[in-house]
C-alpha atoms as a PDB file:
ATOM      1  CA  MET A   1      17.869   3.530 -15.110  1.00  0.00           C
ATOM      2  CA  TYR A   2      19.985   5.518 -17.534  1.00  0.00           C
ATOM      3  CA  LYS A   3      20.481   4.821 -21.221  1.00  0.00           C
ATOM      4  CA  ASN A   4      23.436   7.034 -22.155  1.00  0.00           C
ATOM      5  CA  ILE A   5      25.450   7.233 -18.951  1.00  0.00           C
ATOM      6  CA  ILE A   6      27.014   4.747 -16.554  1.00  0.00           C
ATOM      7  CA  ILE A   7      27.360   5.478 -12.844  1.00  0.00           C
ATOM      8  CA  SER A   8      29.743   3.857 -10.385  1.00  0.00           C
ATOM      9  CA  GLN A   9      30.672   4.817  -6.845  1.00  0.00           C
ATOM     10  CA  THR A  10      33.478   3.957  -4.475  1.00  0.00           C
ATOM     11  CA  GLU A  11      34.474   5.456  -1.130  1.00  0.00           C
ATOM     12  CA  GLY A  12      32.638   8.730  -1.560  1.00  0.00           C
ATOM     13  CA  ILE A  13      33.597   9.267  -5.210  1.00  0.00           C
ATOM     14  CA  GLN A  14      31.016   8.949  -7.948  1.00  0.00           C
ATOM     15  CA  ILE A  15      32.194   8.374 -11.522  1.00  0.00           C
ATOM     16  CA  ILE A  16      29.728   9.319 -14.255  1.00  0.00           C
ATOM     17  CA  THR A  17      30.685   7.989 -17.685  1.00  0.00           C
ATOM     18  CA  ILE A  18      29.023   9.282 -20.843  1.00  0.00           C
ATOM     19  CA  ASN A  19      28.415   6.068 -22.748  1.00  0.00           C
ATOM     20  CA  ARG A  20      27.917   6.751 -26.465  1.00  0.00           C
ATOM     21  CA  PRO A  21      31.299   5.620 -27.813  1.00  0.00           C
ATOM     22  CA  GLU A  22      29.978   4.958 -31.327  1.00  0.00           C
ATOM     23  CA  GLN A  23      29.067   8.671 -31.509  1.00  0.00           C
ATOM     24  CA  LEU A  24      32.277   9.673 -29.706  1.00  0.00           C
ATOM     25  CA  ASN A  25      30.043  10.438 -26.700  1.00  0.00           C
ATOM     26  CA  ALA A  26      28.394  13.380 -28.455  1.00  0.00           C
ATOM     27  CA  LEU A  27      25.858  15.243 -26.342  1.00  0.00           C
ATOM     28  CA  ASN A  28      22.244  14.861 -27.373  1.00  0.00           C
ATOM     29  CA  LYS A  29      19.105  15.956 -25.556  1.00  0.00           C
ATOM     30  CA  LEU A  30      18.698  12.705 -23.643  1.00  0.00           C
ATOM     31  CA  THR A  31      22.323  12.636 -22.518  1.00  0.00           C
ATOM     32  CA  ILE A  32      22.098  16.195 -21.192  1.00  0.00           C
ATOM     33  CA  GLU A  33      18.921  15.325 -19.309  1.00  0.00           C
ATOM     34  CA  GLU A  34      20.437  12.169 -17.852  1.00  0.00           C
ATOM     35  CA  LEU A  35      23.593  13.989 -16.793  1.00  0.00           C
ATOM     36  CA  SER A  36      21.502  16.695 -15.147  1.00  0.00           C
ATOM     37  CA  ASN A  37      19.479  14.131 -13.222  1.00  0.00           C
ATOM     38  CA  ALA A  38      22.551  12.155 -12.162  1.00  0.00           C
ATOM     39  CA  ILE A  39      24.383  15.279 -11.030  1.00  0.00           C
ATOM     40  CA  GLY A  40      21.355  16.399  -9.047  1.00  0.00           C
ATOM     41  CA  GLU A  41      21.048  13.010  -7.345  1.00  0.00           C
ATOM     42  CA  ALA A  42      24.745  13.031  -6.485  1.00  0.00           C
ATOM     43  CA  GLU A  43      24.436  16.484  -4.948  1.00  0.00           C
ATOM     44  CA  GLU A  44      21.693  15.246  -2.619  1.00  0.00           C
ATOM     45  CA  ASN A  45      23.542  12.039  -1.695  1.00  0.00           C
ATOM     46  CA  ILE A  46      25.481  12.701   1.517  1.00  0.00           C
ATOM     47  CA  SER A  47      27.727   9.692   0.882  1.00  0.00           C
ATOM     48  CA  ILE A  48      29.224  11.377  -2.207  1.00  0.00           C
ATOM     49  CA  GLY A  49      31.966  13.953  -1.781  1.00  0.00           C
ATOM     50  CA  VAL A  50      33.378  14.361  -5.307  1.00  0.00           C
ATOM     51  CA  ILE A  51      32.076  13.603  -8.793  1.00  0.00           C
ATOM     52  CA  ILE A  52      34.309  12.559 -11.701  1.00  0.00           C
ATOM     53  CA  LEU A  53      32.922  13.007 -15.200  1.00  0.00           C
ATOM     54  CA  THR A  54      34.433  11.133 -18.145  1.00  0.00           C
ATOM     55  CA  GLY A  55      33.648   9.487 -21.488  1.00  0.00           C
ATOM     56  CA  ALA A  56      33.460   5.852 -22.539  1.00  0.00           C
ATOM     57  CA  GLY A  57      36.166   4.380 -24.735  1.00  0.00           C
ATOM     58  CA  GLU A  58      39.685   5.566 -25.456  1.00  0.00           C
ATOM     59  CA  LYS A  59      38.988   8.158 -28.161  1.00  0.00           C
ATOM     60  CA  SER A  60      36.700  10.765 -26.741  1.00  0.00           C
ATOM     61  CA  PHE A  61      35.558  12.590 -23.632  1.00  0.00           C
ATOM     62  CA  VAL A  62      32.772  14.313 -25.556  1.00  0.00           C
ATOM     63  CA  ALA A  63      33.333  15.192 -29.224  1.00  0.00           C
ATOM     64  CA  GLY A  64      30.694  17.920 -29.284  1.00  0.00           C
ATOM     65  CA  ALA A  65      26.943  18.165 -29.554  1.00  0.00           C
ATOM     66  CA  ASP A  66      24.893  15.804 -31.694  1.00  0.00           C
ATOM     67  CA  ILE A  67      24.473  17.992 -34.778  1.00  0.00           C
ATOM     68  CA  LYS A  68      21.730  15.791 -36.206  1.00  0.00           C
ATOM     69  CA  GLU A  69      19.390  17.005 -33.469  1.00  0.00           C
ATOM     70  CA  PHE A  70      19.548  20.693 -34.362  1.00  0.00           C
ATOM     71  CA  ALA A  71      20.599  20.891 -38.017  1.00  0.00           C
ATOM     72  CA  ASP A  72      17.150  22.181 -39.048  1.00  0.00           C
ATOM     73  CA  PHE A  73      16.454  24.453 -36.048  1.00  0.00           C
ATOM     74  CA  ASN A  74      15.242  28.032 -36.488  1.00  0.00           C
ATOM     75  CA  ILE A  75      16.335  31.074 -34.459  1.00  0.00           C
ATOM     76  CA  ALA A  76      13.923  30.506 -31.595  1.00  0.00           C
ATOM     77  CA  GLU A  77      14.718  26.809 -31.374  1.00  0.00           C
ATOM     78  CA  GLY A  78      18.441  27.496 -31.392  1.00  0.00           C
ATOM     79  CA  GLY A  79      18.132  30.009 -28.573  1.00  0.00           C
ATOM     80  CA  ALA A  80      16.018  27.616 -26.539  1.00  0.00           C
ATOM     81  CA  LEU A  81      18.583  24.853 -27.105  1.00  0.00           C
ATOM     82  CA  ALA A  82      21.380  26.957 -25.609  1.00  0.00           C
ATOM     83  CA  GLU A  83      19.282  28.284 -22.726  1.00  0.00           C
ATOM     84  CA  THR A  84      17.940  24.869 -21.763  1.00  0.00           C
ATOM     85  CA  GLY A  85      21.358  23.212 -21.938  1.00  0.00           C
ATOM     86  CA  GLN A  86      23.040  25.878 -19.857  1.00  0.00           C
ATOM     87  CA  THR A  87      20.316  25.899 -17.212  1.00  0.00           C
ATOM     88  CA  LEU A  88      19.835  22.162 -17.080  1.00  0.00           C
ATOM     89  CA  LEU A  89      23.475  21.065 -17.043  1.00  0.00           C
ATOM     90  CA  PHE A  90      26.386  23.444 -17.571  1.00  0.00           C
ATOM     91  CA  ASN A  91      25.477  26.133 -15.031  1.00  0.00           C
ATOM     92  CA  LYS A  92      24.215  23.419 -12.694  1.00  0.00           C
ATOM     93  CA  ILE A  93      27.629  21.748 -12.626  1.00  0.00           C
ATOM     94  CA  GLU A  94      29.479  25.018 -12.144  1.00  0.00           C
ATOM     95  CA  GLN A  95      27.271  25.980  -9.199  1.00  0.00           C
ATOM     96  CA  LEU A  96      27.142  22.522  -7.615  1.00  0.00           C
ATOM     97  CA  ASN A  97      28.048  22.359  -3.920  1.00  0.00           C
ATOM     98  CA  LYS A  98      30.376  19.401  -4.541  1.00  0.00           C
ATOM     99  CA  PRO A  99      33.508  19.458  -6.708  1.00  0.00           C
ATOM    100  CA  VAL A 100      33.181  17.973 -10.191  1.00  0.00           C
ATOM    101  CA  ILE A 101      36.367  16.807 -11.932  1.00  0.00           C
ATOM    102  CA  ALA A 102      36.450  16.345 -15.710  1.00  0.00           C
ATOM    103  CA  ALA A 103      38.613  13.395 -16.770  1.00  0.00           C
ATOM    104  CA  ILE A 104      39.277  14.318 -20.404  1.00  0.00           C
ATOM    105  CA  ASN A 105      40.180  11.014 -21.998  1.00  0.00           C
ATOM    106  CA  GLY A 106      40.340  12.083 -25.657  1.00  0.00           C
ATOM    107  CA  PHE A 107      38.501  14.597 -27.821  1.00  0.00           C
ATOM    108  CA  ALA A 108      36.827  17.446 -25.933  1.00  0.00           C
ATOM    109  CA  LEU A 109      35.331  19.534 -28.702  1.00  0.00           C
ATOM    110  CA  GLY A 110      32.503  22.034 -28.825  1.00  0.00           C
ATOM    111  CA  GLY A 111      29.937  21.088 -26.217  1.00  0.00           C
ATOM    112  CA  GLY A 112      32.433  18.576 -24.844  1.00  0.00           C
ATOM    113  CA  LEU A 113      34.982  21.251 -24.005  1.00  0.00           C
ATOM    114  CA  GLU A 114      32.169  23.440 -22.678  1.00  0.00           C
ATOM    115  CA  LEU A 115      31.123  20.567 -20.414  1.00  0.00           C
ATOM    116  CA  ALA A 116      34.688  20.168 -19.160  1.00  0.00           C
ATOM    117  CA  MET A 117      34.995  23.908 -18.559  1.00  0.00           C
ATOM    118  CA  SER A 118      31.861  23.910 -16.418  1.00  0.00           C
ATOM    119  CA  CYS A 119      33.582  21.439 -14.079  1.00  0.00           C
ATOM    120  CA  HIS A 120      35.645  22.736 -11.184  1.00  0.00           C
ATOM    121  CA  LEU A 121      38.824  20.881 -12.178  1.00  0.00           C
ATOM    122  CA  ARG A 122      40.028  19.401 -15.459  1.00  0.00           C
ATOM    123  CA  LEU A 123      42.559  16.624 -15.974  1.00  0.00           C
ATOM    124  CA  ALA A 124      43.553  15.498 -19.456  1.00  0.00           C
ATOM    125  CA  ALA A 125      45.093  12.384 -20.898  1.00  0.00           C
ATOM    126  CA  GLN A 126      48.194  12.918 -23.010  1.00  0.00           C
ATOM    127  CA  ASN A 127      46.200  12.069 -26.137  1.00  0.00           C
ATOM    128  CA  ALA A 128      43.444  14.611 -25.448  1.00  0.00           C
ATOM    129  CA  ARG A 129      42.547  17.203 -28.064  1.00  0.00           C
ATOM    130  CA  LEU A 130      40.550  20.281 -27.072  1.00  0.00           C
ATOM    131  CA  GLY A 131      38.785  22.926 -29.128  1.00  0.00           C
ATOM    132  CA  LEU A 132      35.673  24.905 -29.991  1.00  0.00           C
ATOM    133  CA  PRO A 133      35.001  24.319 -33.712  1.00  0.00           C
ATOM    134  CA  GLU A 134      31.537  25.913 -33.837  1.00  0.00           C
ATOM    135  CA  VAL A 135      32.428  28.775 -36.204  1.00  0.00           C
ATOM    136  CA  SER A 136      33.290  26.181 -38.860  1.00  0.00           C
ATOM    137  CA  LEU A 137      29.589  25.259 -38.765  1.00  0.00           C
ATOM    138  CA  GLY A 138      28.327  28.827 -38.915  1.00  0.00           C
ATOM    139  CA  LEU A 139      27.675  28.841 -35.178  1.00  0.00           C
ATOM    140  CA  ILE A 140      29.306  30.070 -31.999  1.00  0.00           C
ATOM    141  CA  PRO A 141      29.746  28.145 -28.745  1.00  0.00           C
ATOM    142  CA  GLY A 142      26.333  28.128 -27.079  1.00  0.00           C
ATOM    143  CA  TYR A 143      26.859  26.333 -23.791  1.00  0.00           C
ATOM    144  CA  GLY A 144      28.965  29.001 -22.101  1.00  0.00           C
ATOM    145  CA  GLY A 145      32.097  28.511 -24.175  1.00  0.00           C
ATOM    146  CA  THR A 146      32.701  32.152 -25.084  1.00  0.00           C
ATOM    147  CA  GLN A 147      32.530  33.100 -21.413  1.00  0.00           C
ATOM    148  CA  ARG A 148      34.278  30.275 -19.563  1.00  0.00           C
ATOM    149  CA  LEU A 149      37.149  29.897 -22.019  1.00  0.00           C
ATOM    150  CA  ALA A 150      38.038  33.583 -21.713  1.00  0.00           C
ATOM    151  CA  GLN A 151      37.848  33.331 -17.927  1.00  0.00           C
ATOM    152  CA  LEU A 152      40.209  30.364 -17.899  1.00  0.00           C
ATOM    153  CA  VAL A 153      42.812  31.296 -20.519  1.00  0.00           C
ATOM    154  CA  GLY A 154      42.337  35.015 -21.159  1.00  0.00           C
ATOM    155  CA  ARG A 155      40.550  36.896 -23.921  1.00  0.00           C
ATOM    156  CA  GLY A 156      43.303  36.747 -26.531  1.00  0.00           C
ATOM    157  CA  LYS A 157      43.852  32.998 -26.423  1.00  0.00           C
ATOM    158  CA  ALA A 158      40.110  32.376 -26.218  1.00  0.00           C
ATOM    159  CA  ASN A 159      39.569  34.498 -29.309  1.00  0.00           C
ATOM    160  CA  GLU A 160      42.260  32.580 -31.179  1.00  0.00           C
ATOM    161  CA  MET A 161      40.800  29.201 -30.290  1.00  0.00           C
ATOM    162  CA  ILE A 162      37.243  30.235 -31.126  1.00  0.00           C
ATOM    163  CA  PHE A 163      38.049  32.156 -34.341  1.00  0.00           C
ATOM    164  CA  THR A 164      40.328  29.486 -35.823  1.00  0.00           C
ATOM    165  CA  ALA A 165      38.101  26.553 -34.763  1.00  0.00           C
ATOM    166  CA  GLY A 166      41.304  24.591 -34.218  1.00  0.00           C
ATOM    167  CA  MET A 167      42.248  21.940 -31.690  1.00  0.00           C
ATOM    168  CA  ILE A 168      45.071  22.212 -29.183  1.00  0.00           C
ATOM    169  CA  LEU A 169      47.076  19.387 -27.634  1.00  0.00           C
ATOM    170  CA  ALA A 170      46.891  18.458 -23.977  1.00  0.00           C
ATOM    171  CA  ASP A 171      50.309  19.940 -23.192  1.00  0.00           C
ATOM    172  CA  GLU A 172      49.312  23.320 -24.602  1.00  0.00           C
ATOM    173  CA  ALA A 173      46.048  23.147 -22.655  1.00  0.00           C
ATOM    174  CA  LEU A 174      48.143  22.709 -19.520  1.00  0.00           C
ATOM    175  CA  GLN A 175      50.439  25.599 -20.419  1.00  0.00           C
ATOM    176  CA  ILE A 176      47.564  28.048 -20.882  1.00  0.00           C
ATOM    177  CA  GLY A 177      45.714  26.946 -17.753  1.00  0.00           C
ATOM    178  CA  LEU A 178      42.826  25.198 -19.478  1.00  0.00           C
ATOM    179  CA  VAL A 179      43.557  21.936 -17.616  1.00  0.00           C
ATOM    180  CA  ASN A 180      45.108  21.321 -14.212  1.00  0.00           C
ATOM    181  CA  HIS A 181      47.136  18.199 -15.019  1.00  0.00           C
ATOM    182  CA  VAL A 182      48.147  16.058 -17.989  1.00  0.00           C
ATOM    183  CA  VAL A 183      48.902  12.369 -17.459  1.00  0.00           C
ATOM    184  CA  GLU A 184      49.157   9.204 -19.496  1.00  0.00           C
ATOM    185  CA  ALA A 185      45.765   7.842 -20.544  1.00  0.00           C
ATOM    186  CA  ASN A 186      46.018   4.766 -18.341  1.00  0.00           C
ATOM    187  CA  GLU A 187      46.738   6.974 -15.311  1.00  0.00           C
ATOM    188  CA  LEU A 188      43.933   9.494 -15.829  1.00  0.00           C
ATOM    189  CA  LEU A 189      41.226   8.093 -13.566  1.00  0.00           C
ATOM    190  CA  ASP A 190      43.735   7.152 -10.878  1.00  0.00           C
ATOM    191  CA  LYS A 191      45.009  10.732 -10.810  1.00  0.00           C
ATOM    192  CA  CYS A 192      41.448  12.060 -10.598  1.00  0.00           C
ATOM    193  CA  VAL A 193      40.718   9.716  -7.701  1.00  0.00           C
ATOM    194  CA  GLU A 194      43.937  10.792  -5.987  1.00  0.00           C
ATOM    195  CA  ILE A 195      42.882  14.433  -6.134  1.00  0.00           C
ATOM    196  CA  ALA A 196      39.330  13.553  -5.098  1.00  0.00           C
ATOM    197  CA  ASN A 197      40.646  11.782  -1.998  1.00  0.00           C
ATOM    198  CA  LYS A 198      42.694  14.839  -1.053  1.00  0.00           C
ATOM    199  CA  ILE A 199      39.586  16.996  -1.404  1.00  0.00           C
ATOM    200  CA  MET A 200      37.507  14.677   0.762  1.00  0.00           C
ATOM    201  CA  ARG A 201      39.881  15.018   3.712  1.00  0.00           C
ATOM    202  CA  ASN A 202      38.611  18.557   4.120  1.00  0.00           C
ATOM    203  CA  SER A 203      35.387  20.165   5.274  1.00  0.00           C
ATOM    204  CA  PRO A 204      32.567  19.611   2.753  1.00  0.00           C
ATOM    205  CA  MET A 205      30.851  22.709   4.118  1.00  0.00           C
ATOM    206  CA  ALA A 206      33.946  24.827   3.561  1.00  0.00           C
ATOM    207  CA  ILE A 207      34.448  23.435   0.059  1.00  0.00           C
ATOM    208  CA  ALA A 208      30.836  24.168  -0.905  1.00  0.00           C
ATOM    209  CA  THR A 209      31.240  27.694   0.450  1.00  0.00           C
ATOM    210  CA  ALA A 210      34.512  28.181  -1.431  1.00  0.00           C
ATOM    211  CA  ILE A 211      32.832  27.127  -4.684  1.00  0.00           C
ATOM    212  CA  GLN A 212      30.166  29.782  -4.142  1.00  0.00           C
ATOM    213  CA  CYS A 213      32.761  32.448  -3.392  1.00  0.00           C
ATOM    214  CA  VAL A 214      34.946  31.679  -6.413  1.00  0.00           C
ATOM    215  CA  ASN A 215      31.886  31.743  -8.676  1.00  0.00           C
ATOM    216  CA  ALA A 216      30.764  35.052  -7.171  1.00  0.00           C
ATOM    217  CA  GLY A 217      33.833  36.775  -8.584  1.00  0.00           C
ATOM    218  CA  TYR A 218      32.607  36.049 -12.116  1.00  0.00           C
ATOM    219  CA  GLN A 219      29.005  37.178 -11.656  1.00  0.00           C
ATOM    220  CA  ASP A 220      27.941  40.569 -12.971  1.00  0.00           C
ATOM    221  CA  GLY A 221      26.962  42.990 -10.240  1.00  0.00           C
ATOM    222  CA  VAL A 222      28.340  40.801  -7.456  1.00  0.00           C
ATOM    223  CA  ASN A 223      31.296  41.833  -5.296  1.00  0.00           C
ATOM    224  CA  GLY A 224      33.230  38.614  -4.758  1.00  0.00           C
ATOM    225  CA  TYR A 225      35.205  40.090  -1.858  1.00  0.00           C
ATOM    226  CA  GLU A 226      32.020  40.957   0.008  1.00  0.00           C
ATOM    227  CA  VAL A 227      30.645  37.465  -0.586  1.00  0.00           C
ATOM    228  CA  GLU A 228      33.896  36.030   0.739  1.00  0.00           C
ATOM    229  CA  ILE A 229      33.819  38.177   3.877  1.00  0.00           C
ATOM    230  CA  GLU A 230      30.235  37.225   4.684  1.00  0.00           C
ATOM    231  CA  SER A 231      30.860  33.551   3.937  1.00  0.00           C
ATOM    232  CA  PHE A 232      34.037  33.528   6.016  1.00  0.00           C
ATOM    233  CA  GLY A 233      32.106  34.854   8.994  1.00  0.00           C
ATOM    234  CA  ARG A 234      29.384  32.230   8.635  1.00  0.00           C
ATOM    235  CA  CYS A 235      31.987  29.459   8.802  1.00  0.00           C
ATOM    236  CA  PHE A 236      32.592  30.331  12.454  1.00  0.00           C
ATOM    237  CA  GLY A 237      29.090  29.147  13.317  1.00  0.00           C
ATOM    238  CA  THR A 238      29.507  25.643  11.881  1.00  0.00           C
ATOM    239  CA  LYS A 239      30.343  22.265  13.373  1.00  0.00           C
ATOM    240  CA  ASP A 240      33.081  21.850  10.771  1.00  0.00           C
ATOM    241  CA  PHE A 241      34.884  24.926  12.129  1.00  0.00           C
ATOM    242  CA  ILE A 242      34.736  23.537  15.652  1.00  0.00           C
ATOM    243  CA  GLU A 243      35.943  20.125  14.474  1.00  0.00           C
ATOM    244  CA  GLY A 244      38.733  21.518  12.296  1.00  0.00           C
ATOM    245  CA  THR A 245      40.165  23.962  14.826  1.00  0.00           C
ATOM    246  CA  SER A 246      39.834  21.540  17.751  1.00  0.00           C
ATOM    247  CA  ALA A 247      41.636  18.829  15.812  1.00  0.00           C
ATOM    248  CA  PHE A 248      44.403  21.241  14.824  1.00  0.00           C
ATOM    249  CA  LEU A 249      44.940  22.471  18.388  1.00  0.00           C
ATOM    250  CA  ASN A 250      44.992  18.907  19.687  1.00  0.00           C
ATOM    251  CA  LYS A 251      47.334  17.802  16.889  1.00  0.00           C
ATOM    252  CA  GLN A 252      44.781  15.355  15.524  1.00  0.00           C
ATOM    253  CA  LYS A 253      43.219  14.749  12.125  1.00  0.00           C
ATOM    254  CA  PRO A 254      39.740  16.261  11.793  1.00  0.00           C
ATOM    255  CA  SER A 255      36.751  14.014  11.163  1.00  0.00           C
ATOM    256  CA  PHE A 256      34.359  15.953   9.000  1.00  0.00           C
ATOM    257  CA  ARG A 257      30.882  14.628   8.226  1.00  0.00           C
ATOM    258  CA  ASN A 258      28.568  15.651   5.385  1.00  0.00           C
END
């Protein structure tokens, strides 16, 4: 039983809603732990093909970390906070073998934007506002923000967003490649579900492998092309390859199973 998140599931799609609307869904220790546990359970559940992550209410996806929890931390405690959060949740989402879609339904600031960036796809409502305001607090992004933002939008734009601590509108986020789609707020979840259904028509094995290969290209000391070649070869020994190619040659729709 979770205190700060709500979970619902329909037809292979699990929706995880961060439910702290009075705090604009700010991330605290318990919420990070609950999200980590829920994500892990969803990964092991063969009936789930795609996860959608969103925030409760109409104002906020996640408006940052809960500053009250770390306002009096020292250097060691601050470092442990970042390391634990990244290991427990942010890196876990990025490396998950099932796609995670962020449905950004309002403010995505600080840890909230970092959470969205750890997801594999990001969709934003028209009213969404995105930014990394940490330097205005005498901090820097600590949940992967300096790395993932630069990967997504380029070093120059990432520097501007981080250095100015400003927010950008959803349309600009779309223009710079920070989000995949922008829709009206009342259409956001429907659009996420639409994309999730398209994903689930395909081989879950191949999708999990593709996630690993894309991530490999951003890992120090790893040759993403070599990982792709090896992974491509392994696909030929799977039931999904047999199903997919047989269906194609027989002009049928494949029936993939987790």
